[in-house]
Structures are given as structure tokens and as C-alpha cells.
PDB file of all heavy atoms in Angstrom:
ATOM      1  N   GLU A   1     125.086 105.853 125.790  1.00  0.00           N
ATOM      2  CA  GLU A   1     124.374 106.676 124.741  1.00  0.00           C
ATOM      3  C   GLU A   1     124.425 106.039 123.396  1.00  0.00           C
ATOM      4  O   GLU A   1     123.387 106.116 122.680  1.00  0.00           O
ATOM      5  CB  GLU A   1     125.074 108.023 124.754  1.00  0.00           C
ATOM      6  CG  GLU A   1     124.577 108.925 125.766  1.00  0.00           C
ATOM      7  CD  GLU A   1     125.098 110.346 125.587  1.00  0.00           C
ATOM      8  OE1 GLU A   1     125.205 110.785 124.393  1.00  0.00           O
ATOM      9  OE2 GLU A   1     125.361 111.037 126.554  1.00  0.00           O
ATOM     10  N   GLU A   2     125.502 105.447 122.916  1.00  0.00           N
ATOM     11  CA  GLU A   2     125.518 104.966 121.576  1.00  0.00           C
ATOM     12  C   GLU A   2     124.931 103.579 121.478  1.00  0.00           C
ATOM     13  O   GLU A   2     124.712 103.052 120.309  1.00  0.00           O
ATOM     14  CB  GLU A   2     126.990 104.947 121.074  1.00  0.00           C
ATOM     15  CG  GLU A   2     127.988 104.145 121.832  1.00  0.00           C
ATOM     16  CD  GLU A   2     128.611 104.874 123.004  1.00  0.00           C
ATOM     17  OE1 GLU A   2     128.509 106.087 123.162  1.00  0.00           O
ATOM     18  OE2 GLU A   2     129.253 104.186 123.839  1.00  0.00           O
ATOM     19  N   ASP A   3     124.588 102.921 122.557  1.00  0.00           N
ATOM     20  CA  ASP A   3     124.019 101.558 122.514  1.00  0.00           C
ATOM     21  C   ASP A   3     122.438 101.703 122.247  1.00  0.00           C
ATOM     22  O   ASP A   3     121.840 102.716 122.629  1.00  0.00           O
ATOM     23  CB  ASP A   3     124.158 100.891 123.856  1.00  0.00           C
ATOM     24  CG  ASP A   3     125.617 100.450 124.039  1.00  0.00           C
ATOM     25  OD1 ASP A   3     126.325 100.313 122.995  1.00  0.00           O
ATOM     26  OD2 ASP A   3     126.041 100.239 125.249  1.00  0.00           O
ATOM     27  N   LEU A   4     121.983 100.720 121.584  1.00  0.00           N
ATOM     28  CA  LEU A   4     120.613 100.644 121.241  1.00  0.00           C
ATOM     29  C   LEU A   4     120.001  99.373 121.780  1.00  0.00           C
ATOM     30  O   LEU A   4     120.671  98.356 121.830  1.00  0.00           O
ATOM     31  CB  LEU A   4     120.399 100.699 119.650  1.00  0.00           C
ATOM     32  CG  LEU A   4     120.975 101.885 118.968  1.00  0.00           C
ATOM     33  CD1 LEU A   4     120.922 101.673 117.532  1.00  0.00           C
ATOM     34  CD2 LEU A   4     120.204 103.122 119.388  1.00  0.00           C
ATOM     35  N   LEU A   5     118.664  99.363 122.096  1.00  0.00           N
ATOM     36  CA  LEU A   5     118.022  98.190 122.539  1.00  0.00           C
ATOM     37  C   LEU A   5     117.277  97.663 121.309  1.00  0.00           C
ATOM     38  O   LEU A   5     116.732  98.443 120.586  1.00  0.00           O
ATOM     39  CB  LEU A   5     117.022  98.557 123.697  1.00  0.00           C
ATOM     40  CG  LEU A   5     116.177  97.422 124.150  1.00  0.00           C
ATOM     41  CD1 LEU A   5     116.210  97.299 125.677  1.00  0.00           C
ATOM     42  CD2 LEU A   5     114.798  97.457 123.623  1.00  0.00           C
ATOM     43  N   LYS A   6     117.370  96.362 121.161  1.00  0.00           N
ATOM     44  CA  LYS A   6     116.490  95.715 120.062  1.00  0.00           C
ATOM     45  C   LYS A   6     115.489  94.845 120.676  1.00  0.00           C
ATOM     46  O   LYS A   6     115.769  94.033 121.534  1.00  0.00           O
ATOM     47  CB  LYS A   6     117.406  94.919 119.112  1.00  0.00           C
ATOM     48  CG  LYS A   6     118.367  95.748 118.281  1.00  0.00           C
ATOM     49  CD  LYS A   6     119.082  94.917 117.325  1.00  0.00           C
ATOM     50  CE  LYS A   6     120.048  95.822 116.513  1.00  0.00           C
ATOM     51  NZ  LYS A   6     120.862  95.083 115.674  1.00  0.00           N
ATOM     52  N   LEU A   7     114.256  95.086 120.318  1.00  0.00           N
ATOM     53  CA  LEU A   7     113.103  94.296 120.637  1.00  0.00           C
ATOM     54  C   LEU A   7     112.930  93.303 119.517  1.00  0.00           C
ATOM     55  O   LEU A   7     112.706  93.671 118.354  1.00  0.00           O
ATOM     56  CB  LEU A   7     111.896  95.133 120.851  1.00  0.00           C
ATOM     57  CG  LEU A   7     110.584  94.343 121.331  1.00  0.00           C
ATOM     58  CD1 LEU A   7     110.781  93.822 122.664  1.00  0.00           C
ATOM     59  CD2 LEU A   7     109.387  95.315 121.253  1.00  0.00           C
ATOM     60  N   THR A   8     113.025  91.982 119.758  1.00  0.00           N
ATOM     61  CA  THR A   8     112.939  90.949 118.712  1.00  0.00           C
ATOM     62  C   THR A   8     111.853  90.073 118.937  1.00  0.00           C
ATOM     63  O   THR A   8     111.582  89.472 119.976  1.00  0.00           O
ATOM     64  CB  THR A   8     114.293  90.127 118.809  1.00  0.00           C
ATOM     65  OG1 THR A   8     115.417  91.077 118.737  1.00  0.00           O
ATOM     66  CG2 THR A   8     114.344  89.189 117.633  1.00  0.00           C
ATOM     67  N   LEU A   9     111.123  89.832 117.795  1.00  0.00           N
ATOM     68  CA  LEU A   9     110.075  88.790 117.756  1.00  0.00           C
ATOM     69  C   LEU A   9     110.656  87.550 117.249  1.00  0.00           C
ATOM     70  O   LEU A   9     111.226  87.481 116.173  1.00  0.00           O
ATOM     71  CB  LEU A   9     108.907  89.261 116.831  1.00  0.00           C
ATOM     72  CG  LEU A   9     107.643  88.515 116.853  1.00  0.00           C
ATOM     73  CD1 LEU A   9     106.996  88.570 118.218  1.00  0.00           C
ATOM     74  CD2 LEU A   9     106.668  89.033 115.816  1.00  0.00           C
ATOM     75  N   TRP A  10     110.754  86.482 118.098  1.00  0.00           N
ATOM     76  CA  TRP A  10     111.555  85.298 117.824  1.00  0.00           C
ATOM     77  C   TRP A  10     110.584  84.172 117.506  1.00  0.00           C
ATOM     78  O   TRP A  10     109.525  83.964 118.167  1.00  0.00           O
ATOM     79  CB  TRP A  10     112.366  84.999 119.051  1.00  0.00           C
ATOM     80  CG  TRP A  10     113.487  84.072 118.800  1.00  0.00           C
ATOM     81  CD1 TRP A  10     113.546  82.714 119.020  1.00  0.00           C
ATOM     82  CD2 TRP A  10     114.770  84.435 118.368  1.00  0.00           C
ATOM     83  NE1 TRP A  10     114.818  82.243 118.678  1.00  0.00           N
ATOM     84  CE2 TRP A  10     115.533  83.281 118.263  1.00  0.00           C
ATOM     85  CE3 TRP A  10     115.299  85.653 117.887  1.00  0.00           C
ATOM     86  CZ2 TRP A  10     116.866  83.309 117.771  1.00  0.00           C
ATOM     87  CZ3 TRP A  10     116.616  85.652 117.488  1.00  0.00           C
ATOM     88  CH2 TRP A  10     117.341  84.493 117.390  1.00  0.00           C
ATOM     89  N   LYS A  11     110.976  83.329 116.557  1.00  0.00           N
ATOM     90  CA  LYS A  11     110.169  82.157 116.138  1.00  0.00           C
ATOM     91  C   LYS A  11     111.018  80.871 116.429  1.00  0.00           C
ATOM     92  O   LYS A  11     112.113  80.732 115.987  1.00  0.00           O
ATOM     93  CB  LYS A  11     109.806  82.289 114.705  1.00  0.00           C
ATOM     94  CG  LYS A  11     109.277  81.031 114.065  1.00  0.00           C
ATOM     95  CD  LYS A  11     109.164  81.112 112.568  1.00  0.00           C
ATOM     96  CE  LYS A  11     109.067  79.727 111.982  1.00  0.00           C
ATOM     97  NZ  LYS A  11     108.895  79.719 110.585  1.00  0.00           N
ATOM     98  N   THR A  12     110.322  79.877 117.050  1.00  0.00           N
ATOM     99  CA  THR A  12     110.977  78.622 117.327  1.00  0.00           C
ATOM    100  C   THR A  12     110.006  77.554 116.801  1.00  0.00           C
ATOM    101  O   THR A  12     108.858  77.594 117.095  1.00  0.00           O
ATOM    102  CB  THR A  12     111.144  78.428 118.784  1.00  0.00           C
ATOM    103  OG1 THR A  12     112.023  79.520 119.266  1.00  0.00           O
ATOM    104  CG2 THR A  12     111.970  77.124 119.084  1.00  0.00           C
ATOM    105  N   ASP A  13     110.523  76.658 115.929  1.00  0.00           N
ATOM    106  CA  ASP A  13     109.719  75.437 115.538  1.00  0.00           C
ATOM    107  C   ASP A  13     110.488  74.200 115.932  1.00  0.00           C
ATOM    108  O   ASP A  13     111.370  74.257 116.701  1.00  0.00           O
ATOM    109  CB  ASP A  13     109.363  75.540 114.052  1.00  0.00           C
ATOM    110  CG  ASP A  13     110.578  75.537 113.194  1.00  0.00           C
ATOM    111  OD1 ASP A  13     111.657  75.074 113.557  1.00  0.00           O
ATOM    112  OD2 ASP A  13     110.497  76.032 111.986  1.00  0.00           O
ATOM    113  N   LYS A  14     110.023  73.079 115.442  1.00  0.00           N
ATOM    114  CA  LYS A  14     110.609  71.813 115.806  1.00  0.00           C
ATOM    115  C   LYS A  14     112.095  71.698 115.447  1.00  0.00           C
ATOM    116  O   LYS A  14     112.929  71.077 116.159  1.00  0.00           O
ATOM    117  CB  LYS A  14     109.860  70.649 115.238  1.00  0.00           C
ATOM    118  CG  LYS A  14     108.532  70.431 115.674  1.00  0.00           C
ATOM    119  CD  LYS A  14     107.816  69.346 115.057  1.00  0.00           C
ATOM    120  CE  LYS A  14     106.355  69.125 115.616  1.00  0.00           C
ATOM    121  NZ  LYS A  14     105.600  68.119 114.975  1.00  0.00           N
ATOM    122  N   MET A  15     112.524  72.371 114.369  1.00  0.00           N
ATOM    123  CA  MET A  15     113.837  72.230 113.835  1.00  0.00           C
ATOM    124  C   MET A  15     114.795  73.495 114.047  1.00  0.00           C
ATOM    125  O   MET A  15     115.948  73.372 114.283  1.00  0.00           O
ATOM    126  CB  MET A  15     113.808  71.948 112.321  1.00  0.00           C
ATOM    127  CG  MET A  15     113.004  70.693 112.016  1.00  0.00           C
ATOM    128  SD  MET A  15     113.708  69.202 112.565  1.00  0.00           S
ATOM    129  CE  MET A  15     114.882  68.910 111.273  1.00  0.00           C
ATOM    130  N   THR A  16     114.168  74.620 113.951  1.00  0.00           N
ATOM    131  CA  THR A  16     115.054  75.904 114.004  1.00  0.00           C
ATOM    132  C   THR A  16     114.452  76.932 114.995  1.00  0.00           C
ATOM    133  O   THR A  16     113.366  76.804 115.433  1.00  0.00           O
ATOM    134  CB  THR A  16     115.041  76.516 112.563  1.00  0.00           C
ATOM    135  OG1 THR A  16     113.731  76.858 112.141  1.00  0.00           O
ATOM    136  CG2 THR A  16     115.666  75.575 111.500  1.00  0.00           C
ATOM    137  N   SER A  17     115.311  77.942 115.130  1.00  0.00           N
ATOM    138  CA  SER A  17     114.934  79.112 115.906  1.00  0.00           C
ATOM    139  C   SER A  17     115.540  80.329 115.223  1.00  0.00           C
ATOM    140  O   SER A  17     116.709  80.314 114.903  1.00  0.00           O
ATOM    141  CB  SER A  17     115.480  78.922 117.321  1.00  0.00           C
ATOM    142  OG  SER A  17     115.090  79.961 118.139  1.00  0.00           O
ATOM    143  N   ARG A  18     114.731  81.345 114.966  1.00  0.00           N
ATOM    144  CA  ARG A  18     115.182  82.548 114.243  1.00  0.00           C
ATOM    145  C   ARG A  18     114.451  83.726 114.565  1.00  0.00           C
ATOM    146  O   ARG A  18     113.291  83.619 115.031  1.00  0.00           O
ATOM    147  CB  ARG A  18     115.287  82.226 112.746  1.00  0.00           C
ATOM    148  CG  ARG A  18     113.964  82.131 112.133  1.00  0.00           C
ATOM    149  CD  ARG A  18     114.085  81.940 110.615  1.00  0.00           C
ATOM    150  NE  ARG A  18     112.812  81.752 109.999  1.00  0.00           N
ATOM    151  CZ  ARG A  18     112.087  82.635 109.518  1.00  0.00           C
ATOM    152  NH1 ARG A  18     112.482  83.920 109.440  1.00  0.00           N
ATOM    153  NH2 ARG A  18     110.913  82.448 108.943  1.00  0.00           N
ATOM    154  N   ALA A  19     115.000  84.921 114.297  1.00  0.00           N
ATOM    155  CA  ALA A  19     114.360  86.236 114.444  1.00  0.00           C
ATOM    156  C   ALA A  19     113.394  86.428 113.345  1.00  0.00           C
ATOM    157  O   ALA A  19     113.733  86.230 112.195  1.00  0.00           O
ATOM    158  CB  ALA A  19     115.357  87.346 114.576  1.00  0.00           C
ATOM    159  N   LEU A  20     112.137  86.876 113.638  1.00  0.00           N
ATOM    160  CA  LEU A  20     111.189  87.134 112.595  1.00  0.00           C
ATOM    161  C   LEU A  20     111.270  88.681 112.170  1.00  0.00           C
ATOM    162  O   LEU A  20     111.284  89.018 111.089  1.00  0.00           O
ATOM    163  CB  LEU A  20     109.803  86.908 113.056  1.00  0.00           C
ATOM    164  CG  LEU A  20     109.388  85.445 113.163  1.00  0.00           C
ATOM    165  CD1 LEU A  20     107.981  85.319 113.771  1.00  0.00           C
ATOM    166  CD2 LEU A  20     109.411  84.800 111.758  1.00  0.00           C
ATOM    167  N   CYS A  21     111.396  89.481 113.234  1.00  0.00           N
ATOM    168  CA  CYS A  21     111.580  90.940 112.957  1.00  0.00           C
ATOM    169  C   CYS A  21     112.094  91.586 114.255  1.00  0.00           C
ATOM    170  O   CYS A  21     111.966  91.074 115.389  1.00  0.00           O
ATOM    171  CB  CYS A  21     110.219  91.563 112.537  1.00  0.00           C
ATOM    172  SG  CYS A  21     108.987  91.493 113.655  1.00  0.00           S
ATOM    173  N   GLU A  22     112.808  92.752 114.008  1.00  0.00           N
ATOM    174  CA  GLU A  22     113.345  93.499 115.097  1.00  0.00           C
ATOM    175  C   GLU A  22     112.940  94.930 115.077  1.00  0.00           C
ATOM    176  O   GLU A  22     112.741  95.488 114.011  1.00  0.00           O
ATOM    177  CB  GLU A  22     114.912  93.445 115.039  1.00  0.00           C
ATOM    178  CG  GLU A  22     115.455  92.150 115.388  1.00  0.00           C
ATOM    179  CD  GLU A  22     117.025  92.136 115.440  1.00  0.00           C
ATOM    180  OE1 GLU A  22     117.606  93.066 114.806  1.00  0.00           O
ATOM    181  OE2 GLU A  22     117.533  91.298 116.119  1.00  0.00           O
ATOM    182  N   GLN A  23     112.791  95.533 116.169  1.00  0.00           N
ATOM    183  CA  GLN A  23     112.538  96.945 116.334  1.00  0.00           C
ATOM    184  C   GLN A  23     113.645  97.556 117.168  1.00  0.00           C
ATOM    185  O   GLN A  23     113.830  97.185 118.285  1.00  0.00           O
ATOM    186  CB  GLN A  23     111.140  97.160 117.068  1.00  0.00           C
ATOM    187  CG  GLN A  23     110.780  98.606 117.281  1.00  0.00           C
ATOM    188  CD  GLN A  23     110.434  99.361 116.072  1.00  0.00           C
ATOM    189  OE1 GLN A  23     109.690  98.874 115.236  1.00  0.00           O
ATOM    190  NE2 GLN A  23     110.826 100.608 115.934  1.00  0.00           N
ATOM    191  N   THR A  24     114.343  98.539 116.669  1.00  0.00           N
ATOM    192  CA  THR A  24     115.394  99.269 117.460  1.00  0.00           C
ATOM    193  C   THR A  24     114.777 100.364 118.260  1.00  0.00           C
ATOM    194  O   THR A  24     113.978 101.133 117.713  1.00  0.00           O
ATOM    195  CB  THR A  24     116.442  99.834 116.441  1.00  0.00           C
ATOM    196  OG1 THR A  24     116.957  98.742 115.646  1.00  0.00           O
ATOM    197  CG2 THR A  24     117.563 100.482 117.240  1.00  0.00           C
ATOM    198  N   VAL A  25     115.094 100.369 119.478  1.00  0.00           N
ATOM    199  CA  VAL A  25     114.562 101.369 120.445  1.00  0.00           C
ATOM    200  C   VAL A  25     115.704 102.264 120.909  1.00  0.00           C
ATOM    201  O   VAL A  25     116.714 101.775 121.302  1.00  0.00           O
ATOM    202  CB  VAL A  25     113.840 100.719 121.644  1.00  0.00           C
ATOM    203  CG1 VAL A  25     113.264 101.679 122.542  1.00  0.00           C
ATOM    204  CG2 VAL A  25     112.861  99.704 121.103  1.00  0.00           C
ATOM    205  N   GLN A  26     115.555 103.627 120.850  1.00  0.00           N
ATOM    206  CA  GLN A  26     116.598 104.563 121.279  1.00  0.00           C
ATOM    207  C   GLN A  26     116.103 105.329 122.448  1.00  0.00           C
ATOM    208  O   GLN A  26     114.966 105.818 122.467  1.00  0.00           O
ATOM    209  CB  GLN A  26     116.920 105.448 120.147  1.00  0.00           C
ATOM    210  CG  GLN A  26     117.510 104.776 118.937  1.00  0.00           C
ATOM    211  CD  GLN A  26     117.783 105.832 117.819  1.00  0.00           C
ATOM    212  OE1 GLN A  26     117.206 106.932 117.785  1.00  0.00           O
ATOM    213  NE2 GLN A  26     118.567 105.426 116.887  1.00  0.00           N
ATOM    214  N   ASP A  27     117.017 105.536 123.386  1.00  0.00           N
ATOM    215  CA  ASP A  27     116.719 106.462 124.502  1.00  0.00           C
ATOM    216  C   ASP A  27     115.345 106.277 125.194  1.00  0.00           C
ATOM    217  O   ASP A  27     114.532 107.209 125.295  1.00  0.00           O
ATOM    218  CB  ASP A  27     116.810 107.926 124.070  1.00  0.00           C
ATOM    219  CG  ASP A  27     118.266 108.232 123.453  1.00  0.00           C
ATOM    220  OD1 ASP A  27     119.139 107.656 123.992  1.00  0.00           O
ATOM    221  OD2 ASP A  27     118.266 108.995 122.484  1.00  0.00           O
ATOM    222  N   SER A  28     115.138 105.026 125.737  1.00  0.00           N
ATOM    223  CA  SER A  28     113.862 104.836 126.383  1.00  0.00           C
ATOM    224  C   SER A  28     112.603 105.285 125.593  1.00  0.00           C
ATOM    225  O   SER A  28     111.863 106.058 126.023  1.00  0.00           O
ATOM    226  CB  SER A  28     113.826 105.452 127.819  1.00  0.00           C
ATOM    227  OG  SER A  28     114.864 104.896 128.554  1.00  0.00           O
ATOM    228  N   ASP A  29     112.627 104.837 124.358  1.00  0.00           N
ATOM    229  CA  ASP A  29     111.678 105.357 123.399  1.00  0.00           C
ATOM    230  C   ASP A  29     110.366 104.459 123.367  1.00  0.00           C
ATOM    231  O   ASP A  29     110.319 103.339 123.883  1.00  0.00           O
ATOM    232  CB  ASP A  29     112.336 105.348 122.045  1.00  0.00           C
ATOM    233  CG  ASP A  29     111.671 106.340 121.050  1.00  0.00           C
ATOM    234  OD1 ASP A  29     110.714 106.999 121.420  1.00  0.00           O
ATOM    235  OD2 ASP A  29     112.061 106.380 119.905  1.00  0.00           O
ATOM    236  N   LYS A  30     109.431 104.934 122.592  1.00  0.00           N
ATOM    237  CA  LYS A  30     108.204 104.168 122.398  1.00  0.00           C
ATOM    238  C   LYS A  30     108.472 103.173 121.292  1.00  0.00           C
ATOM    239  O   LYS A  30     109.180 103.429 120.378  1.00  0.00           O
ATOM    240  CB  LYS A  30     107.053 105.102 121.931  1.00  0.00           C
ATOM    241  CG  LYS A  30     106.578 106.019 123.053  1.00  0.00           C
ATOM    242  CD  LYS A  30     105.394 106.842 122.588  1.00  0.00           C
ATOM    243  CE  LYS A  30     104.905 107.735 123.727  1.00  0.00           C
ATOM    244  NZ  LYS A  30     103.818 108.453 123.260  1.00  0.00           N
ATOM    245  N   VAL A  31     107.798 102.033 121.478  1.00  0.00           N
ATOM    246  CA  VAL A  31     107.832 100.970 120.461  1.00  0.00           C
ATOM    247  C   VAL A  31     106.561 101.048 119.779  1.00  0.00           C
ATOM    248  O   VAL A  31     105.497 101.050 120.294  1.00  0.00           O
ATOM    249  CB  VAL A  31     107.998  99.561 121.143  1.00  0.00           C
ATOM    250  CG1 VAL A  31     107.894  98.451 120.127  1.00  0.00           C
ATOM    251  CG2 VAL A  31     109.288  99.466 121.937  1.00  0.00           C
ATOM    252  N   ASP A  32     106.631 100.990 118.413  1.00  0.00           N
ATOM    253  CA  ASP A  32     105.442 100.968 117.570  1.00  0.00           C
ATOM    254  C   ASP A  32     105.782 100.145 116.327  1.00  0.00           C
ATOM    255  O   ASP A  32     106.340 100.612 115.334  1.00  0.00           O
ATOM    256  CB  ASP A  32     105.034 102.329 117.192  1.00  0.00           C
ATOM    257  CG  ASP A  32     103.688 102.408 116.483  1.00  0.00           C
ATOM    258  OD1 ASP A  32     103.043 101.313 116.383  1.00  0.00           O
ATOM    259  OD2 ASP A  32     103.152 103.481 116.182  1.00  0.00           O
ATOM    260  N   LEU A  33     105.404  98.867 116.332  1.00  0.00           N
ATOM    261  CA  LEU A  33     105.766  97.886 115.313  1.00  0.00           C
ATOM    262  C   LEU A  33     104.442  97.292 114.890  1.00  0.00           C
ATOM    263  O   LEU A  33     103.715  96.734 115.618  1.00  0.00           O
ATOM    264  CB  LEU A  33     106.733  96.818 115.746  1.00  0.00           C
ATOM    265  CG  LEU A  33     106.995  95.680 114.852  1.00  0.00           C
ATOM    266  CD1 LEU A  33     107.757  96.171 113.584  1.00  0.00           C
ATOM    267  CD2 LEU A  33     107.753  94.516 115.539  1.00  0.00           C
ATOM    268  N   THR A  34     104.203  97.356 113.477  1.00  0.00           N
ATOM    269  CA  THR A  34     103.026  96.725 112.897  1.00  0.00           C
ATOM    270  C   THR A  34     103.535  96.086 111.587  1.00  0.00           C
ATOM    271  O   THR A  34     104.157  96.784 110.748  1.00  0.00           O
ATOM    272  CB  THR A  34     101.891  97.646 112.627  1.00  0.00           C
ATOM    273  OG1 THR A  34     101.499  98.342 113.810  1.00  0.00           O
ATOM    274  CG2 THR A  34     100.705  96.959 112.000  1.00  0.00           C
ATOM    275  N   THR A  35     103.299  94.700 111.491  1.00  0.00           N
ATOM    276  CA  THR A  35     103.833  93.999 110.305  1.00  0.00           C
ATOM    277  C   THR A  35     102.884  92.848 110.032  1.00  0.00           C
ATOM    278  O   THR A  35     102.060  92.480 110.883  1.00  0.00           O
ATOM    279  CB  THR A  35     105.289  93.545 110.511  1.00  0.00           C
ATOM    280  OG1 THR A  35     105.753  93.019 109.286  1.00  0.00           O
ATOM    281  CG2 THR A  35     105.395  92.524 111.589  1.00  0.00           C
ATOM    282  N   VAL A  36     103.057  92.211 108.934  1.00  0.00           N
ATOM    283  CA  VAL A  36     102.279  90.977 108.573  1.00  0.00           C
ATOM    284  C   VAL A  36     103.391  89.934 108.315  1.00  0.00           C
ATOM    285  O   VAL A  36     104.375  90.131 107.583  1.00  0.00           O
ATOM    286  CB  VAL A  36     101.492  91.275 107.239  1.00  0.00           C
ATOM    287  CG1 VAL A  36     100.809  89.891 106.824  1.00  0.00           C
ATOM    288  CG2 VAL A  36     100.426  92.259 107.435  1.00  0.00           C
ATOM    289  N   LEU A  37     103.189  88.794 108.941  1.00  0.00           N
ATOM    290  CA  LEU A  37     104.075  87.670 108.895  1.00  0.00           C
ATOM    291  C   LEU A  37     103.406  86.436 108.531  1.00  0.00           C
ATOM    292  O   LEU A  37     102.230  86.203 108.880  1.00  0.00           O
ATOM    293  CB  LEU A  37     104.762  87.443 110.209  1.00  0.00           C
ATOM    294  CG  LEU A  37     105.565  88.606 110.834  1.00  0.00           C
ATOM    295  CD1 LEU A  37     105.946  88.293 112.275  1.00  0.00           C
ATOM    296  CD2 LEU A  37     106.832  88.773 109.964  1.00  0.00           C
ATOM    297  N   TYR A  38     104.040  85.565 107.744  1.00  0.00           N
ATOM    298  CA  TYR A  38     103.544  84.210 107.415  1.00  0.00           C
ATOM    299  C   TYR A  38     104.066  83.292 108.476  1.00  0.00           C
ATOM    300  O   TYR A  38     105.302  83.103 108.566  1.00  0.00           O
ATOM    301  CB  TYR A  38     103.847  83.737 106.029  1.00  0.00           C
ATOM    302  CG  TYR A  38     103.024  82.507 105.582  1.00  0.00           C
ATOM    303  CD1 TYR A  38     101.847  82.759 104.974  1.00  0.00           C
ATOM    304  CD2 TYR A  38     103.442  81.255 105.955  1.00  0.00           C
ATOM    305  CE1 TYR A  38     101.098  81.628 104.629  1.00  0.00           C
ATOM    306  CE2 TYR A  38     102.701  80.124 105.619  1.00  0.00           C
ATOM    307  CZ  TYR A  38     101.509  80.328 104.949  1.00  0.00           C
ATOM    308  OH  TYR A  38     100.753  79.215 104.552  1.00  0.00           O
ATOM    309  N   LEU A  39     103.189  82.722 109.263  1.00  0.00           N
ATOM    310  CA  LEU A  39     103.596  81.816 110.358  1.00  0.00           C
ATOM    311  C   LEU A  39     103.012  80.407 110.052  1.00  0.00           C
ATOM    312  O   LEU A  39     101.933  80.312 109.351  1.00  0.00           O
ATOM    313  CB  LEU A  39     103.036  82.306 111.730  1.00  0.00           C
ATOM    314  CG  LEU A  39     103.504  83.705 112.129  1.00  0.00           C
ATOM    315  CD1 LEU A  39     102.901  84.168 113.408  1.00  0.00           C
ATOM    316  CD2 LEU A  39     105.054  83.730 112.232  1.00  0.00           C
ATOM    317  N   PHE A  40     103.660  79.411 110.539  1.00  0.00           N
ATOM    318  CA  PHE A  40     103.238  77.928 110.382  1.00  0.00           C
ATOM    319  C   PHE A  40     102.699  77.352 111.662  1.00  0.00           C
ATOM    320  O   PHE A  40     103.101  77.814 112.744  1.00  0.00           O
ATOM    321  CB  PHE A  40     104.389  77.151 109.902  1.00  0.00           C
ATOM    322  CG  PHE A  40     104.897  77.633 108.538  1.00  0.00           C
ATOM    323  CD1 PHE A  40     105.983  78.499 108.476  1.00  0.00           C
ATOM    324  CD2 PHE A  40     104.367  77.151 107.357  1.00  0.00           C
ATOM    325  CE1 PHE A  40     106.468  78.923 107.205  1.00  0.00           C
ATOM    326  CE2 PHE A  40     104.831  77.578 106.086  1.00  0.00           C
ATOM    327  CZ  PHE A  40     105.865  78.426 106.087  1.00  0.00           C
ATOM    328  N   GLY A  41     101.837  76.459 111.509  1.00  0.00           N
ATOM    329  CA  GLY A  41     101.321  75.698 112.653  1.00  0.00           C
ATOM    330  C   GLY A  41     102.590  75.033 113.306  1.00  0.00           C
ATOM    331  O   GLY A  41     103.525  74.705 112.652  1.00  0.00           O
ATOM    332  N   GLN A  42     102.516  74.927 114.599  1.00  0.00           N
ATOM    333  CA  GLN A  42     103.611  74.399 115.439  1.00  0.00           C
ATOM    334  C   GLN A  42     104.758  75.434 115.731  1.00  0.00           C
ATOM    335  O   GLN A  42     105.712  75.080 116.331  1.00  0.00           O
ATOM    336  CB  GLN A  42     104.181  73.119 114.822  1.00  0.00           C
ATOM    337  CG  GLN A  42     103.230  72.035 114.468  1.00  0.00           C
ATOM    338  CD  GLN A  42     102.388  71.627 115.599  1.00  0.00           C
ATOM    339  OE1 GLN A  42     102.910  71.414 116.703  1.00  0.00           O
ATOM    340  NE2 GLN A  42     101.121  71.433 115.354  1.00  0.00           N
TER     341      GLN A  42
END
């Protein structure tokens, strides 16, 4: 019950790997994430 699921949008480039954004989901819930991100070629 106290655990939460995190849906993560992950970015990997030639040098690094990191999370861009996360959405926490509770109790088999709906996911609704809208955002604007600056992304690079590659």
C-alpha cells in the first residue's frame, strides 16, 4: 500500500544517461503527464 510506482522518461546520449521527468502513480492509477522538454540531436 505505501509503495508507489514511478513512470520515468529516460534520456541517454553518447556520454550520459539521466531521468528527464517522473510521474508518480498510486493504486493502479491513470497516468496523465504533459510537459515541454529541450532535447538534443543524438
